[in-house]
Amino acid sequence: MSVDEDQRRICEKHRKAFDPPSTSEKLGIALSTLHLVPLNGLRHRPENGTCGWYIWGGDLSDRADFFEPLHADHLAEHCPAVLPYLALPPGCRFLVAADGDDVWEDPSLLEV
């Protein structure tokens, strides 16, 4: 299955609009945590050349340098396991663990 098909399947399964980021957009990623589980993602509204996604492994940190920018088209090199979830629209979160995954809405992500 292609990444596009995986993304469409995830969106359909969770009854969410299909809203993939542009490959030229950036996301926030905690590269140093991607070996930790679970893998987490949350999506704010896109703005200023970002797609709104923040991705990390393990526990979220409030350190100012926790996330670093990465173009969406480079994510396959660093964390291919999250690619199927990237077409979920703003306001969504996901968690990927060894025993499965979870997707849910978080309306607070859409607050201005």
N, C-alpha and C. Protein backbone atom coordinates (compact mmCIF):
# COMPACT_ATOMS: atom_id res chain seq x y z
N MET A 1 0.83 -1.18 0.00
CA MET A 1 0.00 0.00 0.00
C MET A 1 0.88 1.25 0.00
N SER A 2 0.47 2.26 -0.71
CA SER A 2 1.23 3.51 -0.77
C SER A 2 0.94 4.36 0.48
N VAL A 3 1.78 5.35 0.71
CA VAL A 3 1.56 6.26 1.85
C VAL A 3 0.21 6.95 1.69
N ASP A 4 -0.10 7.42 0.49
CA ASP A 4 -1.38 8.07 0.24
C ASP A 4 -2.55 7.14 0.59
N GLU A 5 -2.47 5.89 0.21
CA GLU A 5 -3.54 4.94 0.52
C GLU A 5 -3.64 4.69 2.02
N ASP A 6 -2.49 4.57 2.69
CA ASP A 6 -2.48 4.40 4.15
C ASP A 6 -3.12 5.61 4.83
N GLN A 7 -2.78 6.80 4.36
CA GLN A 7 -3.34 8.01 4.95
C GLN A 7 -4.85 8.08 4.74
N ARG A 8 -5.29 7.74 3.55
CA ARG A 8 -6.74 7.75 3.27
C ARG A 8 -7.46 6.72 4.15
N ARG A 9 -6.86 5.57 4.33
CA ARG A 9 -7.45 4.52 5.16
C ARG A 9 -7.60 4.98 6.61
N ILE A 10 -6.57 5.62 7.15
CA ILE A 10 -6.62 6.12 8.53
C ILE A 10 -7.71 7.18 8.66
N CYS A 11 -7.79 8.10 7.72
CA CYS A 11 -8.81 9.15 7.77
C CYS A 11 -10.22 8.56 7.68
N GLU A 12 -10.41 7.61 6.79
CA GLU A 12 -11.72 6.97 6.66
C GLU A 12 -12.08 6.19 7.92
N LYS A 13 -11.14 5.45 8.45
CA LYS A 13 -11.36 4.65 9.67
C LYS A 13 -11.83 5.52 10.83
N HIS A 14 -11.27 6.71 10.94
CA HIS A 14 -11.58 7.59 12.06
C HIS A 14 -12.57 8.70 11.68
N ARG A 15 -13.13 8.60 10.46
CA ARG A 15 -14.14 9.55 9.97
C ARG A 15 -13.64 10.99 10.04
N LYS A 16 -12.44 11.20 9.51
CA LYS A 16 -11.81 12.51 9.48
C LYS A 16 -11.58 12.93 8.04
N ALA A 17 -11.57 14.23 7.82
CA ALA A 17 -11.27 14.77 6.50
C ALA A 17 -9.83 14.44 6.13
N PHE A 18 -9.59 14.20 4.87
CA PHE A 18 -8.25 13.93 4.34
C PHE A 18 -7.57 15.26 4.10
N ASP A 19 -6.53 15.58 4.86
CA ASP A 19 -5.88 16.88 4.79
C ASP A 19 -4.36 16.73 4.90
N PRO A 20 -3.72 16.15 3.88
CA PRO A 20 -2.27 15.93 3.96
C PRO A 20 -1.48 17.23 3.90
N PRO A 21 -0.36 17.28 4.60
CA PRO A 21 0.48 18.48 4.50
C PRO A 21 1.19 18.52 3.16
N SER A 22 1.55 19.71 2.74
CA SER A 22 2.37 19.88 1.56
C SER A 22 3.79 19.45 1.91
N THR A 23 4.49 18.86 0.97
CA THR A 23 5.87 18.43 1.25
C THR A 23 6.80 19.61 1.49
N SER A 24 6.38 20.81 1.09
CA SER A 24 7.22 21.99 1.32
C SER A 24 6.98 22.61 2.70
N GLU A 25 5.93 22.18 3.39
CA GLU A 25 5.64 22.71 4.72
C GLU A 25 6.56 22.06 5.76
N LYS A 26 6.75 22.76 6.85
CA LYS A 26 7.57 22.25 7.94
C LYS A 26 6.68 21.76 9.07
N LEU A 27 7.26 20.88 9.88
CA LEU A 27 6.60 20.41 11.09
C LEU A 27 7.61 20.49 12.23
N GLY A 28 7.14 20.37 13.45
CA GLY A 28 8.02 20.33 14.61
C GLY A 28 8.24 18.89 15.01
N ILE A 29 9.48 18.51 15.23
CA ILE A 29 9.78 17.12 15.57
C ILE A 29 10.87 17.07 16.63
N ALA A 30 10.73 16.17 17.56
CA ALA A 30 11.73 15.96 18.60
C ALA A 30 12.58 14.76 18.15
N LEU A 31 13.54 15.02 17.28
CA LEU A 31 14.34 13.95 16.68
C LEU A 31 15.03 13.07 17.72
N SER A 32 15.48 13.65 18.80
CA SER A 32 16.23 12.88 19.80
C SER A 32 15.35 11.93 20.60
N THR A 33 14.02 11.99 20.41
CA THR A 33 13.12 11.13 21.17
C THR A 33 12.47 10.03 20.34
N LEU A 34 12.74 9.98 19.06
CA LEU A 34 12.00 9.08 18.18
C LEU A 34 12.25 7.60 18.44
N HIS A 35 13.25 7.28 19.26
CA HIS A 35 13.50 5.89 19.63
C HIS A 35 12.64 5.46 20.82
N LEU A 36 11.93 6.43 21.43
CA LEU A 36 11.08 6.15 22.59
C LEU A 36 9.67 5.81 22.15
N VAL A 37 8.94 5.10 23.01
CA VAL A 37 7.55 4.78 22.73
C VAL A 37 6.68 5.34 23.84
N PRO A 38 5.47 5.70 23.52
CA PRO A 38 4.86 5.65 22.20
C PRO A 38 5.29 6.84 21.34
N LEU A 39 5.02 6.74 20.05
CA LEU A 39 5.18 7.88 19.15
C LEU A 39 3.89 8.70 19.23
N ASN A 40 4.05 10.00 19.31
CA ASN A 40 2.90 10.89 19.48
C ASN A 40 2.91 11.97 18.41
N GLY A 41 1.71 12.43 18.06
CA GLY A 41 1.60 13.55 17.16
C GLY A 41 0.36 14.35 17.47
N LEU A 42 0.45 15.65 17.29
CA LEU A 42 -0.71 16.53 17.42
C LEU A 42 -0.62 17.58 16.33
N ARG A 43 -1.79 18.02 15.87
CA ARG A 43 -1.80 18.97 14.75
C ARG A 43 -2.61 20.21 15.08
N HIS A 44 -1.90 21.34 15.09
CA HIS A 44 -2.52 22.65 15.19
C HIS A 44 -2.92 23.10 13.78
N ARG A 45 -3.52 24.26 13.69
CA ARG A 45 -3.82 24.83 12.37
C ARG A 45 -2.50 25.21 11.68
N PRO A 46 -2.41 24.99 10.37
CA PRO A 46 -1.21 25.42 9.64
C PRO A 46 -1.06 26.93 9.68
N GLU A 47 0.19 27.39 9.75
CA GLU A 47 0.45 28.83 9.68
C GLU A 47 1.92 29.07 9.36
N ASN A 48 2.17 30.14 8.65
CA ASN A 48 3.53 30.59 8.35
C ASN A 48 4.44 29.49 7.79
N GLY A 49 3.94 28.69 6.86
CA GLY A 49 4.77 27.66 6.23
C GLY A 49 4.90 26.37 7.01
N THR A 50 4.14 26.25 8.11
CA THR A 50 4.14 24.99 8.85
C THR A 50 2.82 24.27 8.58
N CYS A 51 2.83 22.96 8.73
CA CYS A 51 1.61 22.18 8.53
C CYS A 51 0.85 21.96 9.83
N GLY A 52 1.43 22.37 10.96
CA GLY A 52 0.76 22.25 12.24
C GLY A 52 1.13 21.03 13.06
N TRP A 53 1.83 20.07 12.45
CA TRP A 53 2.17 18.83 13.16
C TRP A 53 3.36 19.02 14.09
N TYR A 54 3.25 18.37 15.27
CA TYR A 54 4.35 18.23 16.22
C TYR A 54 4.43 16.75 16.56
N ILE A 55 5.62 16.18 16.44
CA ILE A 55 5.81 14.73 16.59
C ILE A 55 6.95 14.47 17.56
N TRP A 56 6.73 13.50 18.46
CA TRP A 56 7.76 13.15 19.44
C TRP A 56 7.55 11.72 19.92
N GLY A 57 8.57 11.16 20.55
CA GLY A 57 8.48 9.85 21.18
C GLY A 57 8.52 10.00 22.69
N GLY A 58 7.84 9.10 23.39
CA GLY A 58 7.85 9.12 24.86
C GLY A 58 7.02 10.26 25.40
N ASP A 59 7.55 10.91 26.43
CA ASP A 59 6.83 11.99 27.11
C ASP A 59 7.12 13.34 26.49
N LEU A 60 6.10 14.18 26.45
CA LEU A 60 6.23 15.55 25.94
C LEU A 60 7.02 16.38 26.94
N SER A 61 7.86 17.24 26.44
CA SER A 61 8.65 18.13 27.28
C SER A 61 8.30 19.57 26.97
N ASP A 62 8.46 20.45 27.95
CA ASP A 62 8.22 21.86 27.71
C ASP A 62 9.53 22.63 27.48
N ARG A 63 10.63 21.90 27.28
CA ARG A 63 11.90 22.56 26.97
C ARG A 63 11.77 23.35 25.66
N ALA A 64 12.34 24.52 25.64
CA ALA A 64 12.26 25.38 24.46
C ALA A 64 12.89 24.73 23.23
N ASP A 65 13.88 23.88 23.42
CA ASP A 65 14.57 23.25 22.29
C ASP A 65 14.11 21.82 22.02
N PHE A 66 12.98 21.42 22.58
CA PHE A 66 12.49 20.05 22.42
C PHE A 66 12.19 19.73 20.96
N PHE A 67 11.48 20.63 20.28
CA PHE A 67 11.13 20.43 18.87
C PHE A 67 12.07 21.21 17.98
N GLU A 68 12.36 20.64 16.82
CA GLU A 68 13.11 21.36 15.80
C GLU A 68 12.34 21.26 14.49
N PRO A 69 12.52 22.22 13.58
CA PRO A 69 11.78 22.20 12.33
C PRO A 69 12.34 21.17 11.35
N LEU A 70 11.43 20.59 10.58
CA LEU A 70 11.80 19.61 9.56
C LEU A 70 10.77 19.71 8.44
N HIS A 71 11.24 19.72 7.19
CA HIS A 71 10.30 19.70 6.07
C HIS A 71 9.57 18.35 6.08
N ALA A 72 8.28 18.40 5.81
CA ALA A 72 7.45 17.19 5.83
C ALA A 72 8.00 16.11 4.90
N ASP A 73 8.62 16.50 3.79
CA ASP A 73 9.11 15.48 2.86
C ASP A 73 10.32 14.73 3.39
N HIS A 74 10.92 15.16 4.49
CA HIS A 74 12.05 14.44 5.10
C HIS A 74 11.62 13.51 6.22
N LEU A 75 10.35 13.50 6.55
CA LEU A 75 9.88 12.70 7.67
C LEU A 75 10.06 11.20 7.41
N ALA A 76 9.93 10.77 6.18
CA ALA A 76 10.09 9.34 5.86
C ALA A 76 11.47 8.82 6.26
N GLU A 77 12.47 9.68 6.21
CA GLU A 77 13.83 9.27 6.61
C GLU A 77 13.97 9.11 8.12
N HIS A 78 13.22 9.90 8.87
CA HIS A 78 13.40 9.96 10.32
C HIS A 78 12.38 9.16 11.11
N CYS A 79 11.15 9.07 10.60
CA CYS A 79 10.09 8.41 11.38
C CYS A 79 8.96 7.93 10.46
N PRO A 80 9.22 6.91 9.64
CA PRO A 80 8.20 6.46 8.69
C PRO A 80 6.93 5.91 9.36
N ALA A 81 7.02 5.51 10.61
CA ALA A 81 5.85 4.93 11.30
C ALA A 81 4.70 5.92 11.45
N VAL A 82 4.98 7.22 11.40
CA VAL A 82 3.91 8.20 11.59
C VAL A 82 3.31 8.68 10.27
N LEU A 83 3.90 8.32 9.15
CA LEU A 83 3.41 8.80 7.85
C LEU A 83 1.93 8.53 7.61
N PRO A 84 1.39 7.37 7.98
CA PRO A 84 -0.04 7.14 7.72
C PRO A 84 -0.98 8.11 8.43
N TYR A 85 -0.51 8.81 9.46
CA TYR A 85 -1.37 9.67 10.27
C TYR A 85 -1.31 11.14 9.83
N LEU A 86 -0.42 11.48 8.95
CA LEU A 86 -0.18 12.88 8.63
C LEU A 86 -1.28 13.57 7.84
N ALA A 87 -2.23 12.83 7.29
CA ALA A 87 -3.34 13.46 6.57
C ALA A 87 -4.52 13.75 7.48
N LEU A 88 -4.40 13.40 8.76
CA LEU A 88 -5.45 13.78 9.71
C LEU A 88 -5.50 15.30 9.80
N PRO A 89 -6.67 15.87 9.92
CA PRO A 89 -6.79 17.33 9.90
C PRO A 89 -6.37 17.99 11.21
N PRO A 90 -6.19 19.30 11.19
CA PRO A 90 -5.90 20.03 12.43
C PRO A 90 -6.95 19.71 13.49
N GLY A 91 -6.48 19.65 14.73
CA GLY A 91 -7.36 19.30 15.85
C GLY A 91 -7.30 17.84 16.21
N CYS A 92 -6.47 17.08 15.50
CA CYS A 92 -6.32 15.65 15.77
C CYS A 92 -5.00 15.35 16.48
N ARG A 93 -5.03 14.26 17.21
CA ARG A 93 -3.83 13.71 17.86
C ARG A 93 -3.77 12.23 17.52
N PHE A 94 -2.56 11.67 17.59
CA PHE A 94 -2.41 10.22 17.45
C PHE A 94 -1.34 9.73 18.40
N LEU A 95 -1.40 8.44 18.67
CA LEU A 95 -0.42 7.74 19.49
C LEU A 95 -0.19 6.39 18.83
N VAL A 96 1.06 6.02 18.61
CA VAL A 96 1.41 4.74 18.00
C VAL A 96 2.30 3.99 18.98
N ALA A 97 1.85 2.80 19.41
CA ALA A 97 2.60 1.97 20.35
C ALA A 97 2.72 0.57 19.77
N ALA A 98 3.49 -0.26 20.42
CA ALA A 98 3.72 -1.63 19.94
C ALA A 98 2.41 -2.42 19.87
N ASP A 99 1.48 -2.12 20.76
CA ASP A 99 0.24 -2.89 20.80
C ASP A 99 -0.91 -2.24 20.04
N GLY A 100 -0.64 -1.19 19.27
CA GLY A 100 -1.68 -0.58 18.46
C GLY A 100 -1.55 0.93 18.39
N ASP A 101 -2.63 1.56 17.93
CA ASP A 101 -2.63 3.00 17.78
C ASP A 101 -3.93 3.58 18.29
N ASP A 102 -3.96 4.89 18.44
CA ASP A 102 -5.16 5.59 18.84
C ASP A 102 -5.17 6.94 18.14
N VAL A 103 -6.33 7.39 17.75
CA VAL A 103 -6.52 8.69 17.11
C VAL A 103 -7.70 9.34 17.80
N TRP A 104 -7.57 10.64 18.14
CA TRP A 104 -8.68 11.33 18.77
C TRP A 104 -8.62 12.82 18.45
N GLU A 105 -9.76 13.46 18.67
CA GLU A 105 -9.87 14.91 18.48
C GLU A 105 -9.49 15.62 19.77
N ASP A 106 -8.82 16.75 19.61
CA ASP A 106 -8.47 17.60 20.75
C ASP A 106 -8.81 19.03 20.34
N PRO A 107 -10.03 19.49 20.65
CA PRO A 107 -10.46 20.82 20.23
C PRO A 107 -9.54 21.95 20.72
N SER A 108 -8.82 21.73 21.81
CA SER A 108 -7.94 22.78 22.32
C SER A 108 -6.83 23.12 21.33
N LEU A 109 -6.53 22.21 20.41
CA LEU A 109 -5.48 22.46 19.41
C LEU A 109 -5.92 23.50 18.37
N LEU A 110 -7.22 23.74 18.29
CA LEU A 110 -7.75 24.68 17.30
C LEU A 110 -7.98 26.07 17.89
N GLU A 111 -7.79 26.20 19.19
CA GLU A 111 -7.98 27.51 19.83
C GLU A 111 -6.88 28.46 19.41
N VAL A 112 -7.26 29.72 19.24
CA VAL A 112 -6.30 30.72 18.81
C VAL A 112 -5.60 31.30 20.02
